[in-house]
């Protein structure tokens, strides 16, 4: 049965690949990010690892997961110095960031696509003791190959949005089989845990032997609360931000959120010249598109990529486009007022924990279904606000400018809330350690 499923999946993937071939060839020819890693992705030609050590293969699909898993990777390596941790990614931006963050201490490679021959070869070469997938990376052939290889499989920081749950429920026969091959599912919250249990065809009354456990969200542990951290301090100095400046950061944006922000900023800046605008688009491929929006606005603005050191010859522009990857977390530390993007469109929101952790007066639009529990908890703590449209967003920003106590108190409640949610990393690593052989086991095996 497993061979039949693998054959059917390979056929499905091949059909999709053939249909997408013209688009893929065009993308490879025009965008450098699609040119790399194809030997690993299609053939499983990943680095050959030493077979004598226990090994955790941690998959972080892109930039968000690479940043998210930093605390887990660090704590796992600290607790188990005998364990080799290797990291795979799918996207070029994720690969580049993972190399910068972890490449000095850990092997980083492109994850193979979910063709059975590619994942089996990769599994033989990496030889993992444990395969760790972040949030919701359900690749049937990869998980089956890990199980056949004898590796334990874990999903950490697991989440299932409403749309994902509905979609997976329609193919529950397949998803249930895949999830039953997973040894641990560390869910962000109780709702997600129940959904995973239902997809695994388990009763909600499952006891301690259940593979699904609520650990909380790793996003809380990964968020900095210290505005004086070295990266944030360097960014403030780089762009000449002073204590008199009030920074409004719009982060992880999608169209038309940048347009709305520039229009609001243009109206407010004349009355509040201390206001600065920092725009951080979600996707790097939109940097030039957002630059065109800023050009059309008539604002004096700069690109982050054009500044590598403070300039004594140019006064800071009132608006900045952050057209670099992996810096958003540090930029949130410069902000006094924050708008979390992806919440006026159809993306379902983005991570609002980072600005909350810094004590930023934070708002977001109404479409945040991918972060439903986090949003509900922030709102219950009066630690953030929802703005329904452009008019409400402008009123929120102006209130923060005119009522500094309101902005301070909102941010302080947000930061206090985040500190009460810490601990998911420790709980997650506790569970991962149970899936690994002990150091004593390794010594006996070597003997």
Protein backbone atom coordinates (compact mmCIF):
# COMPACT_ATOMS: atom_id res chain seq x y z
CA UNK A 1 0.00 0.00 0.00
CA UNK A 2 2.81 2.38 0.88
CA UNK A 3 4.51 1.74 -2.49
CA UNK A 4 1.25 2.44 -4.29
CA UNK A 5 0.79 5.72 -2.41
CA UNK A 6 4.39 6.69 -3.18
CA UNK A 7 3.88 5.90 -6.88
CA UNK A 8 0.66 7.93 -7.01
CA UNK A 9 2.31 10.87 -5.26
CA UNK A 10 5.30 10.76 -7.60
CA UNK A 11 2.91 10.75 -10.57
CA UNK A 12 0.96 13.69 -9.16
CA UNK A 13 4.14 15.68 -8.46
CA UNK A 14 5.45 14.89 -11.97
CA UNK A 15 2.22 16.06 -13.62
CA UNK A 16 2.32 19.31 -11.64
CA UNK A 17 6.01 19.79 -12.51
CA UNK A 18 5.34 19.24 -16.23
CA UNK A 19 2.44 21.69 -16.20
CA UNK A 20 4.61 24.25 -14.44
CA UNK A 21 7.73 23.69 -16.56
CA UNK A 22 7.33 26.83 -18.75
CA UNK A 23 6.86 28.98 -15.65
CA UNK A 24 9.79 27.32 -13.87
CA UNK A 25 12.09 27.78 -16.86
CA UNK A 26 11.09 31.43 -17.16
CA UNK A 27 11.66 31.97 -13.44
CA UNK A 28 15.04 30.23 -13.57
CA UNK A 29 16.10 32.41 -16.50
CA UNK A 30 14.95 35.69 -14.98
CA UNK A 31 15.25 35.23 -11.22
CA UNK A 32 18.43 33.98 -9.64
CA UNK A 33 16.64 32.58 -6.61
CA UNK A 34 15.23 29.72 -8.73
CA UNK A 35 18.57 28.63 -10.21
CA UNK A 36 20.14 26.99 -7.19
CA UNK A 37 19.88 23.66 -5.44
CA UNK A 38 18.30 21.54 -8.16
CA UNK A 39 20.61 18.56 -7.66
CA UNK A 40 19.50 18.41 -4.05
CA UNK A 41 15.86 19.13 -4.82
CA UNK A 42 15.38 16.66 -7.67
CA UNK A 43 17.96 13.97 -6.93
CA UNK A 44 18.54 14.20 -3.19
CA UNK A 45 22.20 15.13 -3.72
CA UNK A 46 22.66 16.60 -0.24
CA UNK A 47 25.83 16.58 1.90
CA UNK A 48 27.07 13.17 3.04
CA UNK A 49 27.04 13.05 6.85
CA UNK A 50 29.12 11.00 9.26
CA UNK A 51 27.26 7.83 10.23
CA UNK A 52 28.89 7.58 13.66
CA UNK A 53 26.96 10.42 15.34
CA UNK A 54 23.31 10.91 16.29
CA UNK A 55 21.82 13.58 14.09
CA UNK A 56 18.77 15.86 14.03
CA UNK A 57 17.65 17.01 10.59
CA UNK A 58 15.67 20.22 11.11
CA UNK A 59 13.67 21.54 8.15
CA UNK A 60 12.99 25.28 8.04
CA UNK A 61 11.16 25.97 4.79
CA UNK A 62 11.96 29.69 4.42
CA UNK A 63 13.05 32.87 6.19
CA UNK A 64 10.28 32.88 8.79
CA UNK A 65 11.01 29.33 9.92
CA UNK A 66 14.79 29.89 9.85
CA UNK A 67 14.34 32.72 12.35
CA UNK A 68 11.64 30.90 14.31
CA UNK A 69 13.78 27.83 14.99
CA UNK A 70 16.84 29.71 16.28
CA UNK A 71 16.04 29.14 19.95
CA UNK A 72 15.22 25.47 19.39
CA UNK A 73 18.40 24.81 17.41
CA UNK A 74 20.48 26.61 20.01
CA UNK A 75 18.99 24.85 23.03
CA UNK A 76 19.06 21.42 21.40
CA UNK A 77 22.74 21.87 20.52
CA UNK A 78 23.53 23.11 24.04
CA UNK A 79 21.76 20.23 25.76
CA UNK A 80 23.14 17.56 23.46
CA UNK A 81 26.68 18.47 22.37
CA UNK A 82 27.02 14.91 21.04
CA UNK A 83 24.17 15.58 18.59
CA UNK A 84 24.87 16.92 15.12
CA UNK A 85 22.18 19.34 13.95
CA UNK A 86 21.76 19.84 10.19
CA UNK A 87 19.33 22.32 8.65
CA UNK A 88 17.46 22.20 5.35
CA UNK A 89 15.45 24.93 3.64
CA UNK A 90 13.37 25.20 0.49
CA UNK A 91 13.80 28.79 -0.70
CA UNK A 92 16.95 30.66 -1.69
CA UNK A 93 16.25 33.45 0.79
CA UNK A 94 15.83 30.86 3.53
CA UNK A 95 19.01 29.07 2.43
CA UNK A 96 21.06 32.28 2.40
CA UNK A 97 19.77 33.35 5.82
CA UNK A 98 20.33 29.89 7.33
CA UNK A 99 23.92 29.94 6.07
CA UNK A 100 24.49 33.35 7.65
CA UNK A 101 22.90 32.35 10.97
CA UNK A 102 24.00 28.73 11.33
CA UNK A 103 26.50 27.87 8.60
CA UNK A 104 29.55 28.27 10.85
CA UNK A 105 28.35 25.50 13.19
CA UNK A 106 25.82 23.46 11.21
CA UNK A 107 25.48 21.93 7.75
CA UNK A 108 22.86 23.77 5.67
CA UNK A 109 21.35 22.36 2.46
CA UNK A 110 18.32 22.50 0.19
CA UNK A 111 15.59 20.04 1.11
CA UNK A 112 14.69 17.60 -1.67
CA UNK A 113 11.30 17.85 -3.30
CA UNK A 114 8.89 15.14 -2.16
CA UNK A 115 9.74 12.64 -4.90
CA UNK A 116 10.38 9.24 -3.33
CA UNK A 117 13.78 8.73 -5.01
CA UNK A 118 15.02 12.15 -3.92
CA UNK A 119 13.95 11.91 -0.28
CA UNK A 120 15.23 8.33 0.07
CA UNK A 121 18.64 9.26 -1.25
CA UNK A 122 18.75 12.33 0.98
CA UNK A 123 17.76 10.20 3.96
CA UNK A 124 20.61 7.78 3.28
CA UNK A 125 23.13 10.61 2.95
CA UNK A 126 22.01 12.63 5.97
CA UNK A 127 21.35 9.51 8.07
CA UNK A 128 19.21 11.30 10.69
CA UNK A 129 18.20 9.97 14.07
CA UNK A 130 15.42 12.56 14.20
CA UNK A 131 13.58 14.55 11.51
CA UNK A 132 12.03 17.80 12.77
CA UNK A 133 9.48 19.69 10.66
CA UNK A 134 8.24 23.18 11.54
CA UNK A 135 4.58 24.21 11.80
CA UNK A 136 2.93 22.31 8.93
CA UNK A 137 5.33 20.68 6.51
CA UNK A 138 3.42 17.50 5.68
CA UNK A 139 5.42 15.80 2.93
CA UNK A 140 4.22 12.17 2.73
CA UNK A 141 7.24 10.67 0.97
CA UNK A 142 9.74 12.49 3.19
CA UNK A 143 7.99 11.36 6.36
CA UNK A 144 7.64 7.79 5.06
CA UNK A 145 11.33 7.71 4.10
CA UNK A 146 12.31 8.87 7.58
CA UNK A 147 10.19 6.17 9.19
CA UNK A 148 11.62 3.49 6.88
CA UNK A 149 15.11 4.72 7.72
CA UNK A 150 14.38 4.28 11.43
CA UNK A 151 14.36 7.99 12.26
CA UNK A 152 11.87 9.52 14.67
CA UNK A 153 9.68 12.27 13.17
CA UNK A 154 8.43 15.38 14.96
CA UNK A 155 6.34 18.39 13.96
CA UNK A 156 7.09 21.34 16.24
CA UNK A 157 5.28 24.65 16.66
CA UNK A 158 2.46 22.89 14.83
CA UNK A 159 -0.38 25.01 13.57
CA UNK A 160 -3.44 24.45 11.39
CA UNK A 161 -5.30 27.48 10.09
CA UNK A 162 -9.00 27.24 9.33
CA UNK A 163 -8.28 26.93 5.61
CA UNK A 164 -5.57 24.31 6.09
CA UNK A 165 -7.78 22.24 8.36
CA UNK A 166 -10.68 22.32 5.89
CA UNK A 167 -8.37 21.41 3.03
CA UNK A 168 -6.70 18.55 4.86
CA UNK A 169 -10.05 17.24 6.06
CA UNK A 170 -11.08 16.72 2.43
CA UNK A 171 -8.19 14.29 1.98
CA UNK A 172 -8.31 12.96 5.51
CA UNK A 173 -7.57 9.40 4.39
CA UNK A 174 -4.12 10.50 3.19
CA UNK A 175 -3.37 13.10 5.85
CA UNK A 176 -4.41 10.72 8.62
CA UNK A 177 -1.99 8.05 7.36
CA UNK A 178 0.83 10.59 7.17
CA UNK A 179 0.18 12.00 10.64
CA UNK A 180 0.08 8.54 12.17
CA UNK A 181 3.68 8.12 11.03
CA UNK A 182 4.69 11.17 13.09
CA UNK A 183 6.00 10.38 16.57
CA UNK A 184 5.46 13.84 18.09
CA UNK A 185 3.26 16.80 17.20
CA UNK A 186 4.05 19.79 19.43
CA UNK A 187 1.09 22.11 18.84
CA UNK A 188 0.93 25.84 19.50
CA UNK A 189 -2.47 25.73 21.21
CA UNK A 190 -5.37 23.53 22.20
CA UNK A 191 -7.45 24.21 19.10
CA UNK A 192 -4.60 23.14 16.84
CA UNK A 193 -3.94 20.07 18.98
CA UNK A 194 -7.57 18.98 18.67
CA UNK A 195 -7.44 19.44 14.90
CA UNK A 196 -4.31 17.31 14.62
CA UNK A 197 -5.94 14.63 16.78
CA UNK A 198 -9.05 14.63 14.63
CA UNK A 199 -6.98 14.30 11.48
CA UNK A 200 -5.14 11.39 13.09
CA UNK A 201 -8.56 9.85 13.84
CA UNK A 202 -7.91 10.14 17.56
CA UNK A 203 -10.51 11.01 20.19
CA UNK A 204 -10.26 14.34 21.96
CA UNK A 205 -10.08 12.45 25.24
CA UNK A 206 -6.65 11.06 24.34
CA UNK A 207 -4.43 10.55 27.37
CA UNK A 208 -0.75 11.13 28.05
CA UNK A 209 0.33 8.56 25.48
CA UNK A 210 -1.06 10.86 22.78
CA UNK A 211 1.60 11.99 20.30
CA UNK A 212 -0.07 15.42 20.16
CA UNK A 213 1.06 17.79 22.93
CA UNK A 214 0.43 21.51 23.50
CA UNK A 215 3.74 23.34 24.00
CA UNK A 216 2.82 26.94 23.14
CA UNK A 217 4.27 29.04 20.33
CA UNK A 218 8.00 29.23 19.70
CA UNK A 219 7.42 32.71 18.29
CA UNK A 220 7.23 34.10 21.83
CA UNK A 221 10.62 32.70 22.83
CA UNK A 222 12.25 33.89 19.63
CA UNK A 223 11.10 37.50 20.09
CA UNK A 224 13.52 39.97 21.65
CA UNK A 225 12.34 42.36 24.36
CA UNK A 226 15.57 44.37 24.50
CA UNK A 227 15.58 47.49 22.33
CA UNK A 228 19.26 48.02 23.11
CA UNK A 229 20.33 44.80 21.39
CA UNK A 230 23.32 45.25 19.10
CA UNK A 231 21.45 44.79 15.80
CA UNK A 232 18.71 47.30 16.63
CA UNK A 233 21.23 49.80 17.99
CA UNK A 234 23.29 49.51 14.80
CA UNK A 235 20.22 50.11 12.62
CA UNK A 236 19.25 53.21 14.61
CA UNK A 237 22.76 54.60 14.17
CA UNK A 238 22.90 53.64 10.51
CA UNK A 239 19.86 55.75 9.67
CA UNK A 240 20.42 58.51 12.19
CA UNK A 241 17.33 57.88 14.32
CA UNK A 242 17.25 60.02 17.46
CA UNK A 243 15.30 59.89 20.71
CA UNK A 244 13.10 62.70 19.36
CA UNK A 245 12.02 60.66 16.34
CA UNK A 246 8.80 58.63 16.45
CA UNK A 247 9.11 55.61 14.18
CA UNK A 248 6.06 54.07 12.53
CA UNK A 249 6.98 50.69 11.10
CA UNK A 250 4.71 48.80 8.73
CA UNK A 251 6.05 45.26 8.57
CA UNK A 252 5.46 42.12 6.52
CA UNK A 253 3.30 44.13 4.14
CA UNK A 254 1.47 43.11 0.99
CA UNK A 255 -0.26 45.26 -1.61
CA UNK A 256 -2.02 47.66 -1.10
CA UNK A 257 -0.77 48.18 2.46
CA UNK A 258 2.34 50.11 1.38
CA UNK A 259 0.15 52.49 -0.63
CA UNK A 260 -2.11 53.08 2.37
CA UNK A 261 0.86 53.68 4.66
CA UNK A 262 2.52 56.22 2.36
CA UNK A 263 -0.75 58.12 1.90
CA UNK A 264 -1.33 58.28 5.66
CA UNK A 265 2.28 59.22 6.34
CA UNK A 266 2.20 62.00 3.73
CA UNK A 267 -0.81 63.57 5.47
CA UNK A 268 0.59 63.22 8.99
CA UNK A 269 4.21 64.16 8.44
CA UNK A 270 3.52 67.84 7.77
CA UNK A 271 1.86 68.14 11.17
CA UNK A 272 4.20 65.75 12.98
CA UNK A 273 7.69 66.20 11.46
CA UNK A 274 9.18 63.93 14.11
CA UNK A 275 7.34 60.97 12.53
CA UNK A 276 9.46 58.53 10.48
CA UNK A 277 8.13 55.74 8.25
CA UNK A 278 9.83 52.35 7.86
CA UNK A 279 8.31 49.97 5.30
CA UNK A 280 9.27 46.27 5.32
CA UNK A 281 7.56 44.25 2.56
CA UNK A 282 6.92 40.58 3.20
CA UNK A 283 8.36 39.26 -0.08
CA UNK A 284 11.74 40.31 -1.56
CA UNK A 285 10.42 40.09 -5.12
CA UNK A 286 8.17 43.08 -4.34
CA UNK A 287 10.97 45.43 -3.25
CA UNK A 288 11.07 47.26 -6.59
CA UNK A 289 7.28 47.43 -6.75
CA UNK A 290 7.19 49.08 -3.32
CA UNK A 291 10.01 51.40 -4.35
CA UNK A 292 7.79 52.59 -7.20
CA UNK A 293 5.01 53.30 -4.70
CA UNK A 294 7.38 55.43 -2.62
CA UNK A 295 8.63 57.22 -5.73
CA UNK A 296 5.07 58.04 -6.76
CA UNK A 297 4.29 59.39 -3.28
CA UNK A 298 6.73 62.27 -3.66
CA UNK A 299 8.33 61.47 -0.31
CA UNK A 300 12.03 61.80 0.39
CA UNK A 301 13.01 58.19 1.03
CA UNK A 302 15.96 55.80 1.09
CA UNK A 303 16.64 52.12 0.45
CA UNK A 304 18.17 50.12 3.27
CA UNK A 305 20.41 48.30 0.77
CA UNK A 306 22.05 51.58 -0.26
CA UNK A 307 23.32 52.35 3.22
CA UNK A 308 26.09 50.28 4.79
CA UNK A 309 27.40 52.88 7.23
CA UNK A 310 26.15 56.15 8.76
CA UNK A 311 26.51 59.15 6.46
CA UNK A 312 27.71 62.51 7.71
CA UNK A 313 26.83 64.14 4.40
CA UNK A 314 23.13 63.34 4.15
CA UNK A 315 20.45 63.99 6.71
CA UNK A 316 18.14 61.02 7.36
CA UNK A 317 15.16 60.74 5.05
CA UNK A 318 11.74 60.62 6.70
CA UNK A 319 10.88 57.34 4.94
CA UNK A 320 12.84 54.13 4.53
CA UNK A 321 12.30 50.98 2.47
CA UNK A 322 13.90 47.93 4.08
CA UNK A 323 14.85 45.95 0.98
CA UNK A 324 16.98 43.37 2.76
CA UNK A 325 16.10 39.93 4.13
CA UNK A 326 16.18 38.76 7.74
CA UNK A 327 16.26 42.15 9.49
CA UNK A 328 12.61 42.70 10.39
CA UNK A 329 13.02 41.42 13.97
CA UNK A 330 15.75 43.98 14.65
CA UNK A 331 13.86 46.78 12.89
CA UNK A 332 10.81 46.25 15.13
CA UNK A 333 13.08 47.33 18.00
CA UNK A 334 13.36 50.80 16.43
CA UNK A 335 9.59 51.29 16.27
CA UNK A 336 7.25 53.25 18.51
CA UNK A 337 4.13 52.54 16.46
CA UNK A 338 3.61 49.35 14.48
CA UNK A 339 1.24 48.01 11.84
CA UNK A 340 1.53 44.28 11.11
CA UNK A 341 0.85 43.63 7.44
CA UNK A 342 -0.88 40.86 5.58
CA UNK A 343 -3.97 41.82 7.55
CA UNK A 344 -5.81 44.07 5.08
CA UNK A 345 -5.56 41.49 2.30
CA UNK A 346 -6.08 37.78 1.90
CA UNK A 347 -2.93 36.45 3.57
CA UNK A 348 -4.42 36.06 7.04
CA UNK A 349 -1.93 38.21 8.94
CA UNK A 350 1.70 37.92 9.97
CA UNK A 351 3.65 37.56 13.21
CA UNK A 352 2.55 40.28 15.64
CA UNK A 353 4.55 38.88 18.56
CA UNK A 354 7.82 40.61 17.59
CA UNK A 355 6.50 44.19 17.87
CA UNK A 356 4.51 43.27 20.98
CA UNK A 357 7.66 41.89 22.65
CA UNK A 358 9.49 45.18 22.11
CA UNK A 359 6.61 47.15 23.62
CA UNK A 360 5.57 48.71 20.30
CA UNK A 361 2.07 50.22 20.18
CA UNK A 362 0.78 47.62 17.75
CA UNK A 363 -2.20 47.40 15.43
CA UNK A 364 -3.23 45.18 12.54
CA UNK A 365 -6.11 44.82 10.12
CA UNK A 366 -9.14 42.55 10.51
CA UNK A 367 -7.85 39.59 8.45
CA UNK A 368 -5.65 37.68 10.90
CA UNK A 369 -7.13 34.18 10.78
CA UNK A 370 -3.70 32.51 10.61
CA UNK A 371 -2.94 33.97 14.06
CA UNK A 372 -6.41 33.71 15.55
CA UNK A 373 -5.38 32.52 19.03
CA UNK A 374 -2.49 34.97 19.35
CA UNK A 375 -4.71 37.86 18.26
CA UNK A 376 -7.47 36.84 20.66
CA UNK A 377 -4.99 36.69 23.54
CA UNK A 378 -3.45 40.08 22.70
CA UNK A 379 -6.86 41.72 22.43
CA UNK A 380 -8.04 40.12 25.68
CA UNK A 381 -4.99 41.63 27.39
CA UNK A 382 -5.74 45.03 25.79
CA UNK A 383 -2.27 44.73 24.28
CA UNK A 384 -3.02 45.55 20.61
CA UNK A 385 -5.77 47.05 18.47
CA UNK A 386 -7.58 46.00 15.31
CA UNK A 387 -8.06 48.69 12.65
CA UNK A 388 -10.82 47.95 10.17
CA UNK A 389 -9.67 50.18 7.31
CA UNK A 390 -7.41 53.03 6.25
CA UNK A 391 -9.35 55.63 8.22
CA UNK A 392 -9.04 53.66 11.46
CA UNK A 393 -5.35 53.04 10.80
CA UNK A 394 -4.75 56.77 10.38
CA UNK A 395 -6.69 57.54 13.57
CA UNK A 396 -4.64 54.95 15.47
CA UNK A 397 -1.31 56.39 14.30
CA UNK A 398 -2.40 59.96 15.04
CA UNK A 399 -3.64 59.01 18.50
CA UNK A 400 -0.26 57.46 19.25
CA UNK A 401 1.35 60.74 18.17
CA UNK A 402 -0.91 62.99 20.22
CA UNK A 403 -1.41 60.76 23.27
CA UNK A 404 2.00 59.36 24.09
CA UNK A 405 0.73 57.83 27.33
CA UNK A 406 -1.81 55.78 25.37
CA UNK A 407 0.93 54.49 23.07
CA UNK A 408 3.27 53.74 25.97
CA UNK A 409 0.63 51.87 27.97
CA UNK A 410 -0.52 49.83 24.97
CA UNK A 411 3.06 48.80 24.25
CA UNK A 412 3.79 48.03 27.91
CA UNK A 413 0.78 45.73 28.14
CA UNK A 414 1.91 43.97 24.96
CA UNK A 415 5.40 43.39 26.30
CA UNK A 416 4.05 42.16 29.65
CA UNK A 417 1.75 39.74 27.83
CA UNK A 418 4.59 38.26 25.79
CA UNK A 419 6.72 37.64 28.88
CA UNK A 420 3.92 35.52 30.38
CA UNK A 421 3.93 33.24 27.31
CA UNK A 422 7.59 32.23 27.35
CA UNK A 423 8.79 28.65 27.71
CA UNK A 424 7.73 26.87 24.51
CA UNK A 425 11.34 26.24 23.48
CA UNK A 426 12.20 24.45 26.70
CA UNK A 427 9.03 22.36 26.56
CA UNK A 428 9.64 21.48 22.92
CA UNK A 429 13.26 20.45 23.43
CA UNK A 430 12.22 18.35 26.46
CA UNK A 431 9.97 16.36 24.12
CA UNK A 432 12.54 16.13 21.33
CA UNK A 433 15.12 14.74 23.75
CA UNK A 434 12.78 11.86 24.54
CA UNK A 435 12.92 10.86 20.88
CA UNK A 436 16.72 10.78 20.84
CA UNK A 437 19.02 8.05 22.14
CA UNK A 438 20.71 9.06 25.38
CA UNK A 439 24.43 9.64 25.56
CA UNK A 440 24.69 6.36 27.49
CA UNK A 441 22.87 4.55 24.68
CA UNK A 442 25.34 5.98 22.19
CA UNK A 443 28.30 4.86 24.31
CA UNK A 444 26.92 1.32 24.55
CA UNK A 445 26.24 1.22 20.81
CA UNK A 446 29.78 2.34 20.06
CA UNK A 447 31.17 -0.35 22.38
